[in-house]
Amino acid sequence: MSGWEMAGIFAGAVLVMAVIQKISGAKTPFRAALLSMLSGVLALIAVNLCSGFTNVSIPVSMLSLGVSAFLGISGVTMLLILQMIL
């Protein structure tokens, strides 16, 4: 994918998350959406940094980044559960 396609996908995801945050009653929907996405990506990084101790890691790919950014910490938790089951 080119850089413009990735930027478009990211902008679309931020807009969708902002709409969801606005519907849920957030006072600042764009900031809440960005914080949710950032917390998911940071959780993915934290899981992979701790993989030496836990022997559980999530391979970083476009899918795992997308799930962790769009769903946040709950998405990373879901990926961890799937990784442990499979």
PDB file of N, CA and C in Angstrom:
ATOM      1  N   MET A   1       0.828  -1.175   0.000  1.00  0.00           N
ATOM      2  CA  MET A   1       0.000   0.000   0.000  1.00  0.00           C
ATOM      3  C   MET A   1       0.874   1.240   0.000  1.00  0.00           C
ATOM      4  N   SER A   2       0.400   2.258  -0.668  1.00  0.00           N
ATOM      5  CA  SER A   2       1.165   3.498  -0.710  1.00  0.00           C
ATOM      6  C   SER A   2       0.873   4.325   0.535  1.00  0.00           C
ATOM      7  N   GLY A   3       1.638   5.354   0.704  1.00  0.00           N
ATOM      8  CA  GLY A   3       1.483   6.221   1.871  1.00  0.00           C
ATOM      9  C   GLY A   3       0.145   6.934   1.896  1.00  0.00           C
ATOM     10  N   TRP A   4      -0.350   7.305   0.709  1.00  0.00           N
ATOM     11  CA  TRP A   4      -1.636   8.006   0.649  1.00  0.00           C
ATOM     12  C   TRP A   4      -2.789   7.087   1.037  1.00  0.00           C
ATOM     13  N   GLU A   5      -2.703   5.834   0.636  1.00  0.00           N
ATOM     14  CA  GLU A   5      -3.756   4.885   1.016  1.00  0.00           C
ATOM     15  C   GLU A   5      -3.766   4.664   2.517  1.00  0.00           C
ATOM     16  N   MET A   6      -2.586   4.533   3.104  1.00  0.00           N
ATOM     17  CA  MET A   6      -2.493   4.342   4.548  1.00  0.00           C
ATOM     18  C   MET A   6      -3.018   5.568   5.297  1.00  0.00           C
ATOM     19  N   ALA A   7      -2.685   6.766   4.808  1.00  0.00           N
ATOM     20  CA  ALA A   7      -3.174   7.987   5.447  1.00  0.00           C
ATOM     21  C   ALA A   7      -4.693   8.080   5.345  1.00  0.00           C
ATOM     22  N   GLY A   8      -5.243   7.673   4.215  1.00  0.00           N
ATOM     23  CA  GLY A   8      -6.691   7.682   4.042  1.00  0.00           C
ATOM     24  C   GLY A   8      -7.384   6.699   4.967  1.00  0.00           C
ATOM     25  N   ILE A   9      -6.806   5.514   5.100  1.00  0.00           N
ATOM     26  CA  ILE A   9      -7.383   4.513   6.003  1.00  0.00           C
ATOM     27  C   ILE A   9      -7.315   5.000   7.440  1.00  0.00           C
ATOM     28  N   PHE A  10      -6.188   5.593   7.829  1.00  0.00           N
ATOM     29  CA  PHE A  10      -6.050   6.105   9.190  1.00  0.00           C
ATOM     30  C   PHE A  10      -7.042   7.233   9.450  1.00  0.00           C
ATOM     31  N   ALA A  11      -7.176   8.154   8.490  1.00  0.00           N
ATOM     32  CA  ALA A  11      -8.123   9.261   8.661  1.00  0.00           C
ATOM     33  C   ALA A  11      -9.554   8.740   8.754  1.00  0.00           C
ATOM     34  N   GLY A  12      -9.886   7.750   7.947  1.00  0.00           N
ATOM     35  CA  GLY A  12     -11.223   7.165   8.012  1.00  0.00           C
ATOM     36  C   GLY A  12     -11.481   6.489   9.347  1.00  0.00           C
ATOM     37  N   ALA A  13     -10.490   5.794   9.860  1.00  0.00           N
ATOM     38  CA  ALA A  13     -10.639   5.127  11.160  1.00  0.00           C
ATOM     39  C   ALA A  13     -10.814   6.144  12.279  1.00  0.00           C
ATOM     40  N   VAL A  14     -10.059   7.237  12.218  1.00  0.00           N
ATOM     41  CA  VAL A  14     -10.201   8.280  13.234  1.00  0.00           C
ATOM     42  C   VAL A  14     -11.589   8.897  13.165  1.00  0.00           C
ATOM     43  N   LEU A  15     -12.094   9.145  11.959  1.00  0.00           N
ATOM     44  CA  LEU A  15     -13.437   9.710  11.823  1.00  0.00           C
ATOM     45  C   LEU A  15     -14.508   8.759  12.354  1.00  0.00           C
ATOM     46  N   VAL A  16     -14.387   7.491  12.044  1.00  0.00           N
ATOM     47  CA  VAL A  16     -15.362   6.506  12.539  1.00  0.00           C
ATOM     48  C   VAL A  16     -15.314   6.452  14.059  1.00  0.00           C
ATOM     49  N   MET A  17     -14.103   6.423  14.619  1.00  0.00           N
ATOM     50  CA  MET A  17     -13.979   6.390  16.080  1.00  0.00           C
ATOM     51  C   MET A  17     -14.514   7.667  16.712  1.00  0.00           C
ATOM     52  N   ALA A  18     -14.305   8.827  16.056  1.00  0.00           N
ATOM     53  CA  ALA A  18     -14.817  10.085  16.587  1.00  0.00           C
ATOM     54  C   ALA A  18     -16.343  10.097  16.582  1.00  0.00           C
ATOM     55  N   VAL A  19     -16.948   9.556  15.548  1.00  0.00           N
ATOM     56  CA  VAL A  19     -18.409   9.475  15.493  1.00  0.00           C
ATOM     57  C   VAL A  19     -18.926   8.569  16.597  1.00  0.00           C
ATOM     58  N   ILE A  20     -18.269   7.434  16.804  1.00  0.00           N
ATOM     59  CA  ILE A  20     -18.673   6.522  17.875  1.00  0.00           C
ATOM     60  C   ILE A  20     -18.526   7.203  19.229  1.00  0.00           C
ATOM     61  N   GLN A  21     -17.434   7.927  19.429  1.00  0.00           N
ATOM     62  CA  GLN A  21     -17.224   8.629  20.694  1.00  0.00           C
ATOM     63  C   GLN A  21     -18.270   9.728  20.886  1.00  0.00           C
ATOM     64  N   LYS A  22     -18.640  10.421  19.821  1.00  0.00           N
ATOM     65  CA  LYS A  22     -19.651  11.480  19.905  1.00  0.00           C
ATOM     66  C   LYS A  22     -21.011  10.894  20.263  1.00  0.00           C
ATOM     67  N   ILE A  23     -21.350   9.766  19.646  1.00  0.00           N
ATOM     68  CA  ILE A  23     -22.622   9.116  19.948  1.00  0.00           C
ATOM     69  C   ILE A  23     -22.661   8.660  21.403  1.00  0.00           C
ATOM     70  N   SER A  24     -21.517   8.199  21.903  1.00  0.00           N
ATOM     71  CA  SER A  24     -21.475   7.719  23.286  1.00  0.00           C
ATOM     72  C   SER A  24     -21.460   8.858  24.294  1.00  0.00           C
ATOM     73  N   GLY A  25     -21.342  10.098  23.838  1.00  0.00           N
ATOM     74  CA  GLY A  25     -21.449  11.244  24.732  1.00  0.00           C
ATOM     75  C   GLY A  25     -20.140  11.861  25.167  1.00  0.00           C
ATOM     76  N   ALA A  26     -19.058  11.597  24.461  1.00  0.00           N
ATOM     77  CA  ALA A  26     -17.773  12.190  24.824  1.00  0.00           C
ATOM     78  C   ALA A  26     -17.784  13.686  24.516  1.00  0.00           C
ATOM     79  N   LYS A  27     -17.196  14.481  25.424  1.00  0.00           N
ATOM     80  CA  LYS A  27     -17.161  15.929  25.214  1.00  0.00           C
ATOM     81  C   LYS A  27     -16.192  16.316  24.101  1.00  0.00           C
ATOM     82  N   THR A  28     -15.098  15.595  24.004  1.00  0.00           N
ATOM     83  CA  THR A  28     -14.113  15.848  22.945  1.00  0.00           C
ATOM     84  C   THR A  28     -13.912  14.554  22.168  1.00  0.00           C
ATOM     85  N   PRO A  29     -14.738  14.307  21.146  1.00  0.00           N
ATOM     86  CA  PRO A  29     -14.705  12.999  20.474  1.00  0.00           C
ATOM     87  C   PRO A  29     -13.405  12.704  19.740  1.00  0.00           C
ATOM     88  N   PHE A  30     -12.768  13.693  19.118  1.00  0.00           N
ATOM     89  CA  PHE A  30     -11.537  13.409  18.383  1.00  0.00           C
ATOM     90  C   PHE A  30     -10.398  13.058  19.333  1.00  0.00           C
ATOM     91  N   ARG A  31     -10.320  13.762  20.449  1.00  0.00           N
ATOM     92  CA  ARG A  31      -9.270  13.448  21.413  1.00  0.00           C
ATOM     93  C   ARG A  31      -9.511  12.074  22.039  1.00  0.00           C
ATOM     94  N   ALA A  32     -10.766  11.774  22.339  1.00  0.00           N
ATOM     95  CA  ALA A  32     -11.083  10.464  22.916  1.00  0.00           C
ATOM     96  C   ALA A  32     -10.771   9.351  21.923  1.00  0.00           C
ATOM     97  N   ALA A  33     -11.065   9.570  20.641  1.00  0.00           N
ATOM     98  CA  ALA A  33     -10.770   8.559  19.622  1.00  0.00           C
ATOM     99  C   ALA A  33      -9.269   8.348  19.482  1.00  0.00           C
ATOM    100  N   LEU A  34      -8.513   9.439  19.439  1.00  0.00           N
ATOM    101  CA  LEU A  34      -7.061   9.312  19.312  1.00  0.00           C
ATOM    102  C   LEU A  34      -6.439   8.653  20.542  1.00  0.00           C
ATOM    103  N   LEU A  35      -6.938   8.979  21.728  1.00  0.00           N
ATOM    104  CA  LEU A  35      -6.411   8.347  22.943  1.00  0.00           C
ATOM    105  C   LEU A  35      -6.735   6.860  22.981  1.00  0.00           C
ATOM    106  N   SER A  36      -7.915   6.496  22.507  1.00  0.00           N
ATOM    107  CA  SER A  36      -8.276   5.085  22.459  1.00  0.00           C
ATOM    108  C   SER A  36      -7.368   4.329  21.489  1.00  0.00           C
ATOM    109  N   MET A  37      -7.119   4.914  20.329  1.00  0.00           N
ATOM    110  CA  MET A  37      -6.250   4.278  19.343  1.00  0.00           C
ATOM    111  C   MET A  37      -4.818   4.188  19.866  1.00  0.00           C
ATOM    112  N   LEU A  38      -4.361   5.249  20.499  1.00  0.00           N
ATOM    113  CA  LEU A  38      -3.000   5.258  21.029  1.00  0.00           C
ATOM    114  C   LEU A  38      -2.833   4.231  22.141  1.00  0.00           C
ATOM    115  N   SER A  39      -3.836   4.114  23.002  1.00  0.00           N
ATOM    116  CA  SER A  39      -3.732   3.137  24.090  1.00  0.00           C
ATOM    117  C   SER A  39      -3.693   1.711  23.546  1.00  0.00           C
ATOM    118  N   GLY A  40      -4.423   1.428  22.487  1.00  0.00           N
ATOM    119  CA  GLY A  40      -4.381   0.101  21.885  1.00  0.00           C
ATOM    120  C   GLY A  40      -3.025  -0.231  21.292  1.00  0.00           C
ATOM    121  N   VAL A  41      -2.445   0.723  20.583  1.00  0.00           N
ATOM    122  CA  VAL A  41      -1.126   0.492  19.977  1.00  0.00           C
ATOM    123  C   VAL A  41      -0.063   0.362  21.058  1.00  0.00           C
ATOM    124  N   LEU A  42      -0.158   1.180  22.103  1.00  0.00           N
ATOM    125  CA  LEU A  42       0.797   1.062  23.205  1.00  0.00           C
ATOM    126  C   LEU A  42       0.646  -0.265  23.946  1.00  0.00           C
ATOM    127  N   ALA A  43      -0.572  -0.747  24.067  1.00  0.00           N
ATOM    128  CA  ALA A  43      -0.783  -2.056  24.699  1.00  0.00           C
ATOM    129  C   ALA A  43      -0.163  -3.162  23.849  1.00  0.00           C
ATOM    130  N   LEU A  44      -0.283  -3.051  22.528  1.00  0.00           N
ATOM    131  CA  LEU A  44       0.341  -4.032  21.639  1.00  0.00           C
ATOM    132  C   LEU A  44       1.858  -4.014  21.800  1.00  0.00           C
ATOM    133  N   ILE A  45       2.438  -2.825  21.894  1.00  0.00           N
ATOM    134  CA  ILE A  45       3.882  -2.701  22.095  1.00  0.00           C
ATOM    135  C   ILE A  45       4.280  -3.299  23.447  1.00  0.00           C
ATOM    136  N   ALA A  46       3.487  -3.026  24.479  1.00  0.00           N
ATOM    137  CA  ALA A  46       3.792  -3.548  25.818  1.00  0.00           C
ATOM    138  C   ALA A  46       3.737  -5.071  25.849  1.00  0.00           C
ATOM    139  N   VAL A  47       2.769  -5.650  25.157  1.00  0.00           N
ATOM    140  CA  VAL A  47       2.674  -7.118  25.105  1.00  0.00           C
ATOM    141  C   VAL A  47       3.912  -7.694  24.446  1.00  0.00           C
ATOM    142  N   ASN A  48       4.349  -7.086  23.364  1.00  0.00           N
ATOM    143  CA  ASN A  48       5.520  -7.612  22.666  1.00  0.00           C
ATOM    144  C   ASN A  48       6.810  -7.367  23.438  1.00  0.00           C
ATOM    145  N   LEU A  49       6.878  -6.287  24.211  1.00  0.00           N
ATOM    146  CA  LEU A  49       8.066  -6.058  25.045  1.00  0.00           C
ATOM    147  C   LEU A  49       8.149  -7.061  26.189  1.00  0.00           C
ATOM    148  N   CYS A  50       7.008  -7.477  26.705  1.00  0.00           N
ATOM    149  CA  CYS A  50       6.980  -8.435  27.820  1.00  0.00           C
ATOM    150  C   CYS A  50       7.001  -9.886  27.350  1.00  0.00           C
ATOM    151  N   SER A  51       7.087 -10.108  26.053  1.00  0.00           N
ATOM    152  CA  SER A  51       7.020 -11.476  25.536  1.00  0.00           C
ATOM    153  C   SER A  51       8.203 -12.337  25.986  1.00  0.00           C
ATOM    154  N   GLY A  52       9.318 -11.732  26.322  1.00  0.00           N
ATOM    155  CA  GLY A  52      10.454 -12.495  26.834  1.00  0.00           C
ATOM    156  C   GLY A  52      10.166 -13.133  28.178  1.00  0.00           C
ATOM    157  N   PHE A  53       9.301 -12.497  28.949  1.00  0.00           N
ATOM    158  CA  PHE A  53       8.946 -13.022  30.267  1.00  0.00           C
ATOM    159  C   PHE A  53       7.745 -13.954  30.214  1.00  0.00           C
ATOM    160  N   THR A  54       6.802 -13.659  29.314  1.00  0.00           N
ATOM    161  CA  THR A  54       5.536 -14.394  29.298  1.00  0.00           C
ATOM    162  C   THR A  54       5.462 -15.471  28.223  1.00  0.00           C
ATOM    163  N   ASN A  55       6.369 -15.444  27.270  1.00  0.00           N
ATOM    164  CA  ASN A  55       6.359 -16.354  26.123  1.00  0.00           C
ATOM    165  C   ASN A  55       5.089 -16.245  25.289  1.00  0.00           C
ATOM    166  N   VAL A  56       4.422 -15.118  25.365  1.00  0.00           N
ATOM    167  CA  VAL A  56       3.241 -14.845  24.537  1.00  0.00           C
ATOM    168  C   VAL A  56       3.502 -13.551  23.788  1.00  0.00           C
ATOM    169  N   SER A  57       3.454 -13.610  22.475  1.00  0.00           N
ATOM    170  CA  SER A  57       3.656 -12.404  21.679  1.00  0.00           C
ATOM    171  C   SER A  57       2.619 -12.361  20.571  1.00  0.00           C
ATOM    172  N   ILE A  58       2.370 -11.163  20.093  1.00  0.00           N
ATOM    173  CA  ILE A  58       1.457 -10.957  18.976  1.00  0.00           C
ATOM    174  C   ILE A  58       2.296 -10.446  17.812  1.00  0.00           C
ATOM    175  N   PRO A  59       2.342 -11.178  16.711  1.00  0.00           N
ATOM    176  CA  PRO A  59       3.109 -10.698  15.564  1.00  0.00           C
ATOM    177  C   PRO A  59       2.544  -9.362  15.065  1.00  0.00           C
ATOM    178  N   VAL A  60       3.422  -8.407  14.841  1.00  0.00           N
ATOM    179  CA  VAL A  60       2.980  -7.091  14.379  1.00  0.00           C
ATOM    180  C   VAL A  60       2.768  -7.158  12.870  1.00  0.00           C
ATOM    181  N   SER A  61       1.539  -6.955  12.475  1.00  0.00           N
ATOM    182  CA  SER A  61       1.171  -6.911  11.065  1.00  0.00           C
ATOM    183  C   SER A  61       0.129  -5.821  10.885  1.00  0.00           C
ATOM    184  N   MET A  62      -0.296  -5.615   9.665  1.00  0.00           N
ATOM    185  CA  MET A  62      -1.332  -4.607   9.415  1.00  0.00           C
ATOM    186  C   MET A  62      -2.628  -4.986  10.127  1.00  0.00           C
ATOM    187  N   LEU A  63      -2.932  -6.269  10.181  1.00  0.00           N
ATOM    188  CA  LEU A  63      -4.148  -6.719  10.843  1.00  0.00           C
ATOM    189  C   LEU A  63      -4.088  -6.469  12.347  1.00  0.00           C
ATOM    190  N   SER A  64      -2.992  -6.860  12.982  1.00  0.00           N
ATOM    191  CA  SER A  64      -2.896  -6.672  14.432  1.00  0.00           C
ATOM    192  C   SER A  64      -2.834  -5.187  14.796  1.00  0.00           C
ATOM    193  N   LEU A  65      -2.159  -4.383  13.988  1.00  0.00           N
ATOM    194  CA  LEU A  65      -2.138  -2.943  14.240  1.00  0.00           C
ATOM    195  C   LEU A  65      -3.522  -2.331  14.066  1.00  0.00           C
ATOM    196  N   GLY A  66      -4.231  -2.772  13.037  1.00  0.00           N
ATOM    197  CA  GLY A  66      -5.574  -2.250  12.805  1.00  0.00           C
ATOM    198  C   GLY A  66      -6.538  -2.617  13.915  1.00  0.00           C
ATOM    199  N   VAL A  67      -6.485  -3.867  14.352  1.00  0.00           N
ATOM    200  CA  VAL A  67      -7.369  -4.313  15.437  1.00  0.00           C
ATOM    201  C   VAL A  67      -7.032  -3.584  16.727  1.00  0.00           C
ATOM    202  N   SER A  68      -5.747  -3.459  17.034  1.00  0.00           N
ATOM    203  CA  SER A  68      -5.369  -2.802  18.282  1.00  0.00           C
ATOM    204  C   SER A  68      -5.675  -1.305  18.237  1.00  0.00           C
ATOM    205  N   ALA A  69      -5.550  -0.683  17.077  1.00  0.00           N
ATOM    206  CA  ALA A  69      -5.866   0.746  16.980  1.00  0.00           C
ATOM    207  C   ALA A  69      -7.369   0.978  16.998  1.00  0.00           C
ATOM    208  N   PHE A  70      -8.124   0.161  16.300  1.00  0.00           N
ATOM    209  CA  PHE A  70      -9.568   0.401  16.199  1.00  0.00           C
ATOM    210  C   PHE A  70     -10.308  -0.032  17.462  1.00  0.00           C
ATOM    211  N   LEU A  71      -9.907  -1.135  18.058  1.00  0.00           N
ATOM    212  CA  LEU A  71     -10.624  -1.645  19.228  1.00  0.00           C
ATOM    213  C   LEU A  71      -9.958  -1.283  20.552  1.00  0.00           C
ATOM    214  N   GLY A  72      -8.739  -0.779  20.498  1.00  0.00           N
ATOM    215  CA  GLY A  72      -8.067  -0.349  21.720  1.00  0.00           C
ATOM    216  C   GLY A  72      -7.542  -1.521  22.530  1.00  0.00           C
ATOM    217  N   ILE A  73      -7.547  -1.349  23.833  1.00  0.00           N
ATOM    218  CA  ILE A  73      -7.013  -2.373  24.730  1.00  0.00           C
ATOM    219  C   ILE A  73      -7.833  -3.652  24.659  1.00  0.00           C
ATOM    220  N   SER A  74      -9.140  -3.519  24.454  1.00  0.00           N
ATOM    221  CA  SER A  74      -9.958  -4.730  24.337  1.00  0.00           C
ATOM    222  C   SER A  74      -9.604  -5.518  23.077  1.00  0.00           C
ATOM    223  N   GLY A  75      -9.180  -4.847  22.023  1.00  0.00           N
ATOM    224  CA  GLY A  75      -8.732  -5.542  20.821  1.00  0.00           C
ATOM    225  C   GLY A  75      -7.442  -6.301  21.051  1.00  0.00           C
ATOM    226  N   VAL A  76      -6.527  -5.704  21.812  1.00  0.00           N
ATOM    227  CA  VAL A  76      -5.272  -6.388  22.137  1.00  0.00           C
ATOM    228  C   VAL A  76      -5.555  -7.594  23.019  1.00  0.00           C
ATOM    229  N   THR A  77      -6.488  -7.444  23.952  1.00  0.00           N
ATOM    230  CA  THR A  77      -6.875  -8.572  24.807  1.00  0.00           C
ATOM    231  C   THR A  77      -7.451  -9.702  23.969  1.00  0.00           C
ATOM    232  N   MET A  78      -8.287  -9.359  22.991  1.00  0.00           N
ATOM    233  CA  MET A  78      -8.859 -10.365  22.107  1.00  0.00           C
ATOM    234  C   MET A  78      -7.761 -11.069  21.303  1.00  0.00           C
ATOM    235  N   LEU A  79      -6.794 -10.294  20.800  1.00  0.00           N
ATOM    236  CA  LEU A  79      -5.692 -10.900  20.055  1.00  0.00           C
ATOM    237  C   LEU A  79      -4.864 -11.821  20.944  1.00  0.00           C
ATOM    238  N   LEU A  80      -4.663 -11.431  22.193  1.00  0.00           N
ATOM    239  CA  LEU A  80      -3.921 -12.289  23.126  1.00  0.00           C
ATOM    240  C   LEU A  80      -4.658 -13.598  23.378  1.00  0.00           C
ATOM    241  N   ILE A  81      -5.952 -13.516  23.594  1.00  0.00           N
ATOM    242  CA  ILE A  81      -6.741 -14.731  23.834  1.00  0.00           C
ATOM    243  C   ILE A  81      -6.695 -15.636  22.615  1.00  0.00           C
ATOM    244  N   LEU A  82      -6.848 -15.062  21.424  1.00  0.00           N
ATOM    245  CA  LEU A  82      -6.778 -15.866  20.206  1.00  0.00           C
ATOM    246  C   LEU A  82      -5.402 -16.489  20.028  1.00  0.00           C
ATOM    247  N   GLN A  83      -4.349 -15.735  20.356  1.00  0.00           N
ATOM    248  CA  GLN A  83      -2.988 -16.257  20.229  1.00  0.00           C
ATOM    249  C   GLN A  83      -2.764 -17.428  21.187  1.00  0.00           C
ATOM    250  N   MET A  84      -3.318 -17.337  22.388  1.00  0.00           N
ATOM    251  CA  MET A  84      -3.130 -18.410  23.370  1.00  0.00           C
ATOM    252  C   MET A  84      -3.960 -19.643  23.005  1.00  0.00           C
ATOM    253  N   ILE A  85      -5.142 -19.436  22.427  1.00  0.00           N
ATOM    254  CA  ILE A  85      -5.999 -20.558  22.043  1.00  0.00           C
ATOM    255  C   ILE A  85      -5.441 -21.286  20.823  1.00  0.00           C
ATOM    256  N   LEU A  86      -5.032 -20.506  19.833  1.00  0.00           N
ATOM    257  CA  LEU A  86      -4.546 -21.112  18.593  1.00  0.00           C
ATOM    258  C   LEU A  86      -3.089 -21.399  18.748  1.00  0.00           C
TER     259      LEU A  86
END
